[in-house]
Amino acid sequence: MENKNLYDYTIKDIPELMFENVDAIVIVDPAIDAYKSIVRRGMFETFLSESGIYHDLILDLWFHFNDSNEKVSGDYQIFADNTGIFTSKYSRRLRIVLENETEPHIVQLTVYPFDDNKKYIFVMDEFNDSESLQESLTTKKINTIQNSYLFSMYIDLTQNTTSSINVTEISEDVVNYNLSYTEWRNMIVNMFLPEDQEQFLRRTDPEYLKKNFTPGRTSSYDCMMRNLEGNFIWVKLIFSRAQTDNEEDYRYVFMVQDINDNSMELLSTLQMYEERAIKDPLTGVYNHGEVDTRLHNALTLRQKNNTPVSVMMIDLDHFKEVNDNYGHAVGDTTLKHLAKILQEFSKEENTDPGRWGGEEFIVICREKDSAGAFELAEKLRKKVEEHLFPDVLHVTCSVGVTEFKPEDDFTSAFNRLDKAMYTSKQNGRNQSTLL
């Protein structure tokens, strides 16, 4: 358009000015899920097709990670249709990374509904380099502050509405979702582990929130939720009721905080302490206390469902001579090697090995009757006999075997097991006895 005096421009000039200066103009018809590009310049020649599916355009504009063209997982893409609904003018900045590029393009999007809000005009412009740099620096500052918060939104239970929704990994800006609180709650529940879904529905129920939150009160709980990449991570769900003087004003802020790294570190620490509490420090198999617990549990299980359970007691033969002739260090090494044999055996046969004390070990054989357990005992005894132990080379063991009976109490069952093992000793060692 020729350069004119300011006061010579009229409404007739505006379409041509817009056509010459904006980077992209798109007409959208949500009713048929389609769009048509009217203007495409610069990056938009690559980003936009001449026409396409509106749902896919919304995914390309919103549902990707910051500074990436990698799409969020399909579970979260169900929100795309709600994001693409506009009842009034709307404007925001987007960060779009084209395929085979690494740097984001900073784009200003403005939406103009027309035809009684049934169709939209999308007007998009890319910032120049200096504006993009300033925008990038601002984003980094915001992300530094917000990087642990994955999601936030404002809830009005009286109006059943959601607003000011922000998904940090998608954008630092508020995203336009057209969702009632009821709709959001029913859609988001599937993002949680199945065992956490009941708790989520209970604690996000409007009546629960009204009953348990006085104005200004904040509460949170931890659970596992699927992130935008589709992986389950530990998060903290935070609800805070707005501080107002009106008891009937039920407005809340809801936030999801990423606590996965700290939670995994805590779980790892707890697991370490749990293992210390139940494992024998020398051999690494279950210690006396844990074996005792598992024996009682096995007997209870036997009495409840009539599933066979048998137990072995294993005692190294002439172990005192190993300590006397080679020293206690070699004796400890011998015990460690026996424990390793038991652990490998447990993987093959699904048994629970533990150290009862000294050179005595217990092996719980689930779902094994007396005949099956005796067969395992002989197999294990031969493994010990054939094993080459450091320094002492060959060591044998005596094994006692018994099956728990429904009428047993713990004392009678254990005394029978103990007697079976000592019968093997008395009959010449390196043998198994079933009682």
Protein backbone atom coordinates (compact mmCIF):
# COMPACT_ATOMS: atom_id res chain seq x y z
CA MET A 1 0.00 0.00 0.00
CA GLU A 2 1.29 3.44 -0.86
CA ASN A 3 2.35 5.71 1.98
CA LYS A 4 -0.53 8.03 2.82
CA ASN A 5 -1.17 10.86 5.19
CA LEU A 6 -2.44 9.61 8.55
CA TYR A 7 -5.76 11.34 8.12
CA ASP A 8 -6.30 9.88 4.67
CA TYR A 9 -6.60 6.28 5.94
CA THR A 10 -10.10 4.83 6.10
CA ILE A 11 -11.74 1.60 7.20
CA LYS A 12 -11.32 0.30 3.66
CA ASP A 13 -7.53 0.35 4.07
CA ILE A 14 -7.49 -1.92 7.14
CA PRO A 15 -7.86 -5.31 5.37
CA GLU A 16 -4.95 -4.53 3.08
CA LEU A 17 -2.81 -3.24 5.97
CA MET A 18 -3.54 -6.38 7.97
CA PHE A 19 -2.81 -8.61 4.99
CA GLU A 20 0.56 -6.91 4.38
CA ASN A 21 1.77 -6.79 8.00
CA VAL A 22 0.62 -9.81 9.97
CA ASP A 23 2.52 -13.11 9.72
CA ALA A 24 -0.47 -15.46 9.77
CA ILE A 25 -4.26 -15.32 9.57
CA VAL A 26 -6.29 -18.48 10.06
CA ILE A 27 -10.06 -19.04 9.91
CA VAL A 28 -11.34 -21.76 12.24
CA ASP A 29 -14.62 -23.66 12.28
CA PRO A 30 -14.76 -25.88 15.43
CA ALA A 31 -18.08 -27.39 14.33
CA ILE A 32 -16.32 -29.29 11.53
CA ASP A 33 -12.95 -29.43 13.38
CA ALA A 34 -11.15 -27.63 10.54
CA TYR A 35 -9.08 -24.55 9.79
CA LYS A 36 -7.99 -22.68 6.67
CA SER A 37 -4.88 -20.50 6.39
CA ILE A 38 -5.48 -17.12 4.74
CA VAL A 39 -1.99 -15.70 5.32
CA ARG A 40 1.26 -17.64 5.97
CA ARG A 41 4.61 -15.87 6.15
CA GLY A 42 8.01 -16.67 7.65
CA MET A 43 7.97 -19.56 10.10
CA PHE A 44 4.22 -20.03 9.53
CA GLU A 45 4.86 -21.31 6.01
CA THR A 46 6.36 -24.36 7.73
CA PHE A 47 4.17 -24.43 10.82
CA LEU A 48 0.77 -24.10 9.14
CA SER A 49 -0.79 -26.09 6.33
CA GLU A 50 -3.11 -24.46 3.83
CA SER A 51 -5.91 -26.27 5.63
CA GLY A 52 -6.06 -28.90 8.34
CA ILE A 53 -7.69 -30.34 11.46
CA TYR A 54 -8.39 -27.78 14.18
CA HIS A 55 -7.75 -30.29 17.00
CA ASP A 56 -4.24 -30.91 15.60
CA LEU A 57 -3.60 -27.16 15.38
CA ILE A 58 -4.48 -26.77 19.06
CA LEU A 59 -2.08 -29.59 19.94
CA ASP A 60 0.69 -27.89 17.94
CA LEU A 61 0.02 -24.51 19.57
CA TRP A 62 -0.47 -25.59 23.21
CA PHE A 63 0.22 -29.20 24.03
CA HIS A 64 3.98 -29.43 23.78
CA PHE A 65 6.74 -28.90 26.31
CA ASN A 66 8.35 -25.51 26.77
CA ASP A 67 11.09 -24.89 24.17
CA SER A 68 10.30 -28.16 22.39
CA ASN A 69 8.03 -29.58 19.70
CA GLU A 70 7.70 -32.80 21.70
CA LYS A 71 4.01 -33.40 22.40
CA VAL A 72 2.67 -34.11 25.85
CA SER A 73 1.29 -37.62 26.44
CA GLY A 74 -2.03 -38.61 24.92
CA ASP A 75 -3.71 -38.67 28.35
CA TYR A 76 -3.40 -34.90 28.58
CA GLN A 77 -4.36 -34.25 24.96
CA ILE A 78 -8.00 -34.87 25.91
CA PHE A 79 -8.01 -31.27 27.15
CA ALA A 80 -7.28 -29.93 23.66
CA ASP A 81 -10.93 -29.66 22.62
CA ASN A 82 -11.72 -27.60 25.71
CA THR A 83 -8.71 -25.37 25.10
CA GLY A 84 -9.93 -24.49 21.59
CA ILE A 85 -13.26 -23.01 22.69
CA PHE A 86 -13.50 -19.19 22.76
CA THR A 87 -16.51 -17.08 23.72
CA SER A 88 -14.72 -13.73 23.61
CA LYS A 89 -11.50 -12.15 22.35
CA TYR A 90 -8.40 -13.89 23.61
CA SER A 91 -4.67 -13.16 23.40
CA ARG A 92 -1.50 -14.83 24.64
CA ARG A 93 2.11 -15.54 23.79
CA LEU A 94 3.26 -18.96 22.62
CA ARG A 95 6.66 -20.63 22.31
CA ILE A 96 6.76 -22.76 19.17
CA VAL A 97 9.70 -24.94 18.10
CA LEU A 98 9.63 -26.07 14.50
CA GLU A 99 10.72 -29.56 13.46
CA ASN A 100 14.53 -29.89 13.12
CA GLU A 101 15.02 -26.63 15.07
CA THR A 102 16.05 -26.14 18.68
CA GLU A 103 15.29 -22.50 19.43
CA PRO A 104 11.68 -21.48 20.11
CA HIS A 105 9.84 -18.89 18.07
CA ILE A 106 7.99 -16.40 20.30
CA VAL A 107 4.54 -15.88 18.81
CA GLN A 108 1.72 -13.53 19.76
CA LEU A 109 -1.70 -15.10 19.15
CA THR A 110 -4.96 -13.15 19.15
CA VAL A 111 -8.33 -14.84 18.69
CA TYR A 112 -11.42 -13.03 17.39
CA PRO A 113 -14.69 -15.01 17.59
CA PHE A 114 -17.27 -14.18 14.90
CA ASP A 115 -20.46 -15.63 13.42
CA ASP A 116 -22.05 -15.61 16.92
CA ASN A 117 -18.88 -17.15 18.39
CA LYS A 118 -19.18 -20.23 16.20
CA LYS A 119 -16.08 -19.48 14.11
CA TYR A 120 -12.76 -17.78 14.95
CA ILE A 121 -10.06 -15.68 13.34
CA PHE A 122 -6.55 -16.52 14.57
CA VAL A 123 -4.04 -13.71 14.02
CA MET A 124 -0.42 -14.66 14.73
CA ASP A 125 2.82 -12.67 14.64
CA GLU A 126 6.38 -13.71 15.44
CA PHE A 127 8.44 -11.39 17.64
CA ASN A 128 11.68 -10.05 16.25
CA ASP A 129 15.02 -11.25 17.66
CA SER A 130 15.40 -8.59 20.37
CA GLU A 131 11.85 -9.13 21.61
CA SER A 132 12.40 -12.91 21.59
CA LEU A 133 15.55 -12.56 23.67
CA GLN A 134 13.79 -10.44 26.28
CA GLU A 135 10.90 -12.91 26.37
CA SER A 136 13.32 -15.83 26.79
CA LEU A 137 15.12 -14.17 29.71
CA THR A 138 11.81 -13.43 31.42
CA THR A 139 10.67 -17.02 30.92
CA LYS A 140 13.86 -18.41 32.47
CA LYS A 141 13.32 -16.27 35.57
CA ILE A 142 9.72 -17.46 35.88
CA ASN A 143 10.64 -21.10 35.33
CA THR A 144 13.34 -20.85 38.00
CA ILE A 145 10.69 -19.79 40.48
CA GLN A 146 7.94 -22.15 39.32
CA ASN A 147 9.89 -25.22 38.21
CA SER A 148 8.60 -27.39 41.05
CA TYR A 149 4.93 -26.53 40.41
CA LEU A 150 3.47 -28.51 37.53
CA PHE A 151 -0.06 -27.18 37.60
CA SER A 152 -2.23 -24.55 39.26
CA MET A 153 -5.76 -23.25 38.87
CA TYR A 154 -8.52 -21.28 40.56
CA ILE A 155 -11.80 -22.97 41.52
CA ASP A 156 -15.21 -21.52 42.36
CA LEU A 157 -17.39 -24.31 43.73
CA THR A 158 -20.49 -22.14 43.90
CA GLN A 159 -20.26 -21.42 40.16
CA ASN A 160 -18.71 -24.84 39.37
CA THR A 161 -15.97 -23.11 37.34
CA THR A 162 -12.22 -23.28 36.83
CA SER A 163 -10.02 -20.39 35.76
CA SER A 164 -6.42 -19.12 35.66
CA ILE A 165 -5.20 -22.59 34.72
CA ASN A 166 -1.43 -22.84 34.35
CA VAL A 167 0.52 -25.92 33.22
CA THR A 168 4.13 -24.91 33.86
CA GLU A 169 5.74 -27.50 31.58
CA ILE A 170 3.63 -26.27 28.66
CA SER A 171 3.80 -22.53 29.26
CA GLU A 172 4.41 -19.97 31.99
CA ASP A 173 1.21 -18.27 30.82
CA VAL A 174 -2.34 -19.07 31.81
CA VAL A 175 -3.97 -21.44 29.31
CA ASN A 176 -7.52 -20.94 28.07
CA TYR A 177 -9.45 -24.03 29.21
CA ASN A 178 -13.23 -23.97 29.00
CA LEU A 179 -13.95 -26.49 31.76
CA SER A 180 -16.32 -26.70 34.68
CA TYR A 181 -14.83 -28.02 37.93
CA THR A 182 -16.96 -31.17 37.60
CA GLU A 183 -15.66 -31.82 34.07
CA TRP A 184 -12.04 -31.18 35.08
CA ARG A 185 -12.30 -33.50 38.10
CA ASN A 186 -13.76 -36.39 36.06
CA MET A 187 -11.13 -35.97 33.32
CA ILE A 188 -8.08 -35.64 35.56
CA VAL A 189 -8.85 -38.65 37.81
CA ASN A 190 -7.51 -41.05 35.18
CA MET A 191 -4.07 -39.40 35.46
CA PHE A 192 -3.60 -40.96 38.92
CA LEU A 193 -2.55 -44.48 39.84
CA PRO A 194 -5.67 -46.67 40.15
CA GLU A 195 -5.06 -47.11 43.88
CA ASP A 196 -4.90 -43.30 44.33
CA GLN A 197 -8.02 -42.46 42.34
CA GLU A 198 -10.53 -43.10 45.13
CA GLN A 199 -8.62 -40.79 47.47
CA PHE A 200 -8.42 -38.08 44.80
CA LEU A 201 -12.17 -38.21 44.14
CA ARG A 202 -12.94 -38.15 47.86
CA ARG A 203 -10.66 -35.23 48.68
CA THR A 204 -11.68 -33.16 45.65
CA ASP A 205 -15.40 -33.74 46.17
CA PRO A 206 -17.09 -30.31 46.47
CA GLU A 207 -18.91 -31.29 49.66
CA TYR A 208 -15.67 -32.54 51.22
CA LEU A 209 -13.92 -29.24 50.38
CA LYS A 210 -16.78 -27.17 51.77
CA LYS A 211 -16.95 -29.21 54.99
CA ASN A 212 -13.24 -29.50 55.75
CA PHE A 213 -11.82 -26.12 54.66
CA THR A 214 -12.49 -22.97 56.61
CA PRO A 215 -11.52 -19.67 54.90
CA GLY A 216 -7.72 -19.45 54.61
CA ARG A 217 -7.09 -23.13 55.37
CA THR A 218 -4.55 -25.07 53.28
CA SER A 219 -4.15 -28.86 53.11
CA SER A 220 -2.07 -31.25 51.00
CA TYR A 221 -1.37 -34.91 50.43
CA ASP A 222 1.11 -36.96 48.38
CA CYS A 223 0.26 -39.44 45.64
CA MET A 224 1.46 -40.68 42.24
CA MET A 225 0.25 -38.92 39.09
CA ARG A 226 1.08 -39.25 35.41
CA ASN A 227 3.18 -36.34 34.15
CA LEU A 228 3.00 -34.77 30.69
CA GLU A 229 5.49 -37.35 29.37
CA GLY A 230 3.18 -40.17 30.44
CA ASN A 231 5.26 -41.38 33.42
CA PHE A 232 3.95 -41.73 36.97
CA ILE A 233 5.77 -39.46 39.43
CA TRP A 234 5.27 -38.44 43.06
CA VAL A 235 3.38 -35.16 43.43
CA LYS A 236 1.94 -33.11 46.26
CA LEU A 237 -1.67 -31.98 45.73
CA ILE A 238 -2.37 -28.69 47.50
CA PHE A 239 -5.77 -27.13 48.16
CA SER A 240 -6.14 -23.70 49.74
CA ARG A 241 -9.44 -21.94 50.39
CA ALA A 242 -9.51 -18.21 49.71
CA GLN A 243 -9.40 -15.99 52.79
CA THR A 244 -12.72 -14.13 52.83
CA ASP A 245 -15.24 -13.04 55.44
CA ASN A 246 -18.08 -14.74 53.57
CA GLU A 247 -18.67 -18.28 54.85
CA GLU A 248 -20.58 -19.07 51.63
CA ASP A 249 -17.70 -18.02 49.36
CA TYR A 250 -16.22 -21.34 48.25
CA ARG A 251 -13.22 -20.35 46.16
CA TYR A 252 -9.98 -22.35 46.18
CA VAL A 253 -6.50 -22.43 44.71
CA PHE A 254 -5.36 -25.90 43.59
CA MET A 255 -1.71 -26.71 42.87
CA VAL A 256 0.30 -29.79 41.89
CA GLN A 257 3.92 -29.78 43.06
CA ASP A 258 6.60 -32.09 41.68
CA ILE A 259 8.18 -33.89 44.67
CA ASN A 260 9.35 -36.96 42.77
CA ASP A 261 13.12 -36.58 43.30
CA ASN A 262 12.78 -35.97 47.04
CA SER A 263 10.21 -38.75 47.41
CA MET A 264 12.33 -41.29 45.56
CA GLU A 265 15.33 -40.35 47.70
CA LEU A 266 13.21 -40.73 50.85
CA LEU A 267 11.84 -44.09 49.69
CA SER A 268 15.36 -45.26 48.93
CA THR A 269 16.46 -44.24 52.43
CA LEU A 270 13.47 -45.95 54.02
CA GLN A 271 14.17 -49.10 52.01
CA MET A 272 17.78 -49.04 53.16
CA TYR A 273 16.71 -48.79 56.83
CA GLU A 274 14.07 -51.46 56.32
CA GLU A 275 16.68 -53.83 54.88
CA ARG A 276 18.96 -53.10 57.83
CA ALA A 277 16.11 -53.95 60.19
CA ILE A 278 15.25 -57.31 58.59
CA LYS A 279 18.56 -58.50 57.09
CA ASP A 280 21.42 -60.30 58.81
CA PRO A 281 24.41 -57.91 58.60
CA LEU A 282 26.96 -60.69 57.94
CA THR A 283 25.18 -62.82 55.35
CA GLY A 284 22.52 -60.53 53.84
CA VAL A 285 19.68 -63.04 54.25
CA TYR A 286 16.76 -62.43 56.63
CA ASN A 287 17.77 -62.10 60.28
CA HIS A 288 16.35 -64.06 63.24
CA GLY A 289 13.55 -61.58 63.92
CA GLU A 290 12.34 -61.50 60.32
CA VAL A 291 12.56 -65.29 60.00
CA ASP A 292 10.49 -65.63 63.18
CA THR A 293 7.85 -63.28 61.74
CA ARG A 294 7.73 -65.09 58.42
CA LEU A 295 7.45 -68.49 60.15
CA HIS A 296 4.45 -67.26 62.17
CA ASN A 297 2.88 -65.76 59.03
CA ALA A 298 3.42 -69.00 57.10
CA LEU A 299 1.76 -71.03 59.86
CA THR A 300 -1.20 -68.60 59.96
CA LEU A 301 -1.55 -68.84 56.18
CA ARG A 302 -1.47 -72.64 56.38
CA GLN A 303 -4.28 -72.64 58.94
CA LYS A 304 -6.41 -70.14 57.00
CA ASN A 305 -6.40 -71.48 53.45
CA ASN A 306 -5.00 -75.01 53.80
CA THR A 307 -2.16 -74.27 51.37
CA PRO A 308 0.85 -76.49 52.15
CA VAL A 309 3.88 -74.84 53.75
CA SER A 310 7.06 -76.64 54.74
CA VAL A 311 10.27 -75.52 56.45
CA MET A 312 13.91 -76.61 56.40
CA MET A 313 16.52 -76.07 59.10
CA ILE A 314 20.10 -76.24 57.82
CA ASP A 315 23.16 -76.55 60.04
CA LEU A 316 26.76 -76.69 58.78
CA ASP A 317 28.57 -79.83 59.89
CA HIS A 318 31.68 -79.46 62.09
CA PHE A 319 31.58 -75.69 61.78
CA LYS A 320 33.41 -75.24 65.09
CA GLU A 321 36.41 -76.97 63.50
CA VAL A 322 36.37 -74.42 60.67
CA ASN A 323 36.64 -71.59 63.19
CA ASP A 324 39.24 -73.42 65.29
CA ASN A 325 41.45 -74.50 62.37
CA TYR A 326 41.12 -71.52 59.99
CA GLY A 327 40.00 -68.65 62.18
CA HIS A 328 36.74 -66.75 62.55
CA ALA A 329 37.34 -64.65 59.42
CA VAL A 330 37.30 -67.81 57.28
CA GLY A 331 34.29 -69.00 59.29
CA ASP A 332 32.44 -65.78 58.40
CA THR A 333 33.39 -66.19 54.74
CA THR A 334 32.04 -69.73 54.82
CA LEU A 335 28.72 -68.51 56.23
CA LYS A 336 28.54 -65.83 53.52
CA HIS A 337 29.06 -68.43 50.81
CA LEU A 338 26.36 -70.66 52.29
CA ALA A 339 23.99 -67.67 52.36
CA LYS A 340 24.77 -66.97 48.70
CA ILE A 341 23.90 -70.58 47.83
CA LEU A 342 20.59 -70.18 49.71
CA GLN A 343 19.80 -66.91 47.94
CA GLU A 344 20.45 -68.37 44.49
CA PHE A 345 18.40 -71.40 45.45
CA SER A 346 15.54 -69.15 46.60
CA LYS A 347 15.38 -67.49 43.17
CA GLU A 348 15.09 -70.89 41.49
CA GLU A 349 12.60 -72.43 43.92
CA ASN A 350 10.71 -69.42 45.37
CA THR A 351 11.80 -69.97 48.96
CA ASP A 352 12.56 -67.56 51.83
CA PRO A 353 16.01 -68.11 53.38
CA GLY A 354 17.17 -66.61 56.68
CA ARG A 355 19.79 -67.00 59.37
CA TRP A 356 18.43 -68.37 62.64
CA GLY A 357 21.69 -67.97 64.51
CA GLY A 358 25.34 -69.07 64.35
CA GLU A 359 25.63 -71.61 61.54
CA GLU A 360 21.90 -72.46 61.54
CA PHE A 361 19.71 -71.28 58.68
CA ILE A 362 15.97 -71.56 57.98
CA VAL A 363 14.35 -71.92 54.55
CA ILE A 364 10.55 -71.46 54.24
CA CYS A 365 9.10 -73.45 51.34
CA ARG A 366 5.71 -72.02 50.35
CA GLU A 367 3.20 -74.24 48.59
CA LYS A 368 5.37 -77.32 49.22
CA ASP A 369 4.14 -80.39 51.04
CA SER A 370 6.52 -82.66 52.96
CA ALA A 371 7.52 -84.72 49.91
CA GLY A 372 8.22 -81.63 47.79
CA ALA A 373 10.16 -79.94 50.59
CA PHE A 374 12.26 -83.07 51.22
CA GLU A 375 13.13 -83.18 47.53
CA LEU A 376 14.26 -79.52 47.72
CA ALA A 377 16.26 -80.26 50.88
CA GLU A 378 18.22 -83.00 49.15
CA LYS A 379 18.83 -80.78 46.16
CA LEU A 380 20.11 -78.00 48.42
CA ARG A 381 22.24 -80.37 50.53
CA LYS A 382 24.02 -81.64 47.40
CA LYS A 383 24.66 -78.07 46.21
CA VAL A 384 26.41 -77.32 49.51
CA GLU A 385 28.39 -80.57 49.35
CA GLU A 386 29.61 -79.82 45.81
CA HIS A 387 30.44 -76.15 46.43
CA LEU A 388 34.10 -75.10 46.76
CA PHE A 389 34.36 -72.83 49.82
CA PRO A 390 37.42 -70.54 50.11
CA ASP A 391 40.24 -72.07 52.20
CA VAL A 392 38.15 -74.94 53.63
CA LEU A 393 37.12 -76.22 50.18
CA HIS A 394 34.35 -78.71 51.09
CA VAL A 395 31.75 -78.35 53.82
CA THR A 396 28.60 -80.41 54.34
CA CYS A 397 25.34 -79.65 56.08
CA SER A 398 22.59 -81.49 57.93
CA VAL A 399 18.99 -80.65 57.08
CA GLY A 400 15.73 -81.09 58.98
CA VAL A 401 12.40 -80.84 57.16
CA THR A 402 8.81 -80.61 58.37
CA GLU A 403 5.46 -79.62 56.93
CA PHE A 404 3.25 -77.29 58.97
CA LYS A 405 -0.01 -78.99 59.94
CA PRO A 406 -3.37 -77.25 60.49
CA GLU A 407 -3.41 -78.32 64.14
CA ASP A 408 0.15 -77.06 64.81
CA ASP A 409 0.99 -74.16 67.04
CA PHE A 410 4.33 -72.46 66.49
CA THR A 411 6.13 -74.25 69.34
CA SER A 412 5.09 -77.75 68.31
CA ALA A 413 5.97 -77.13 64.65
CA PHE A 414 9.36 -75.63 65.46
CA ASN A 415 10.26 -78.38 67.94
CA ARG A 416 9.51 -80.97 65.25
CA LEU A 417 11.73 -79.09 62.78
CA ASP A 418 14.54 -78.82 65.32
CA LYS A 419 14.29 -82.54 66.12
CA ALA A 420 14.45 -83.43 62.41
CA MET A 421 17.68 -81.48 61.97
CA TYR A 422 19.32 -83.07 65.03
CA THR A 423 18.24 -86.51 63.82
CA SER A 424 20.29 -85.85 60.67
CA LYS A 425 23.25 -84.93 62.88
CA GLN A 426 22.89 -88.05 65.03
CA ASN A 427 22.60 -90.33 62.00
CA GLY A 428 25.96 -89.29 60.59
CA ARG A 429 25.48 -85.74 59.20
CA ASN A 430 25.34 -84.63 55.55
CA GLN A 431 21.80 -85.90 55.20
CA SER A 432 18.17 -84.72 55.29
CA THR A 433 15.49 -85.94 57.71
CA LEU A 434 11.75 -85.44 57.33
CA LEU A 435 9.51 -85.46 60.42
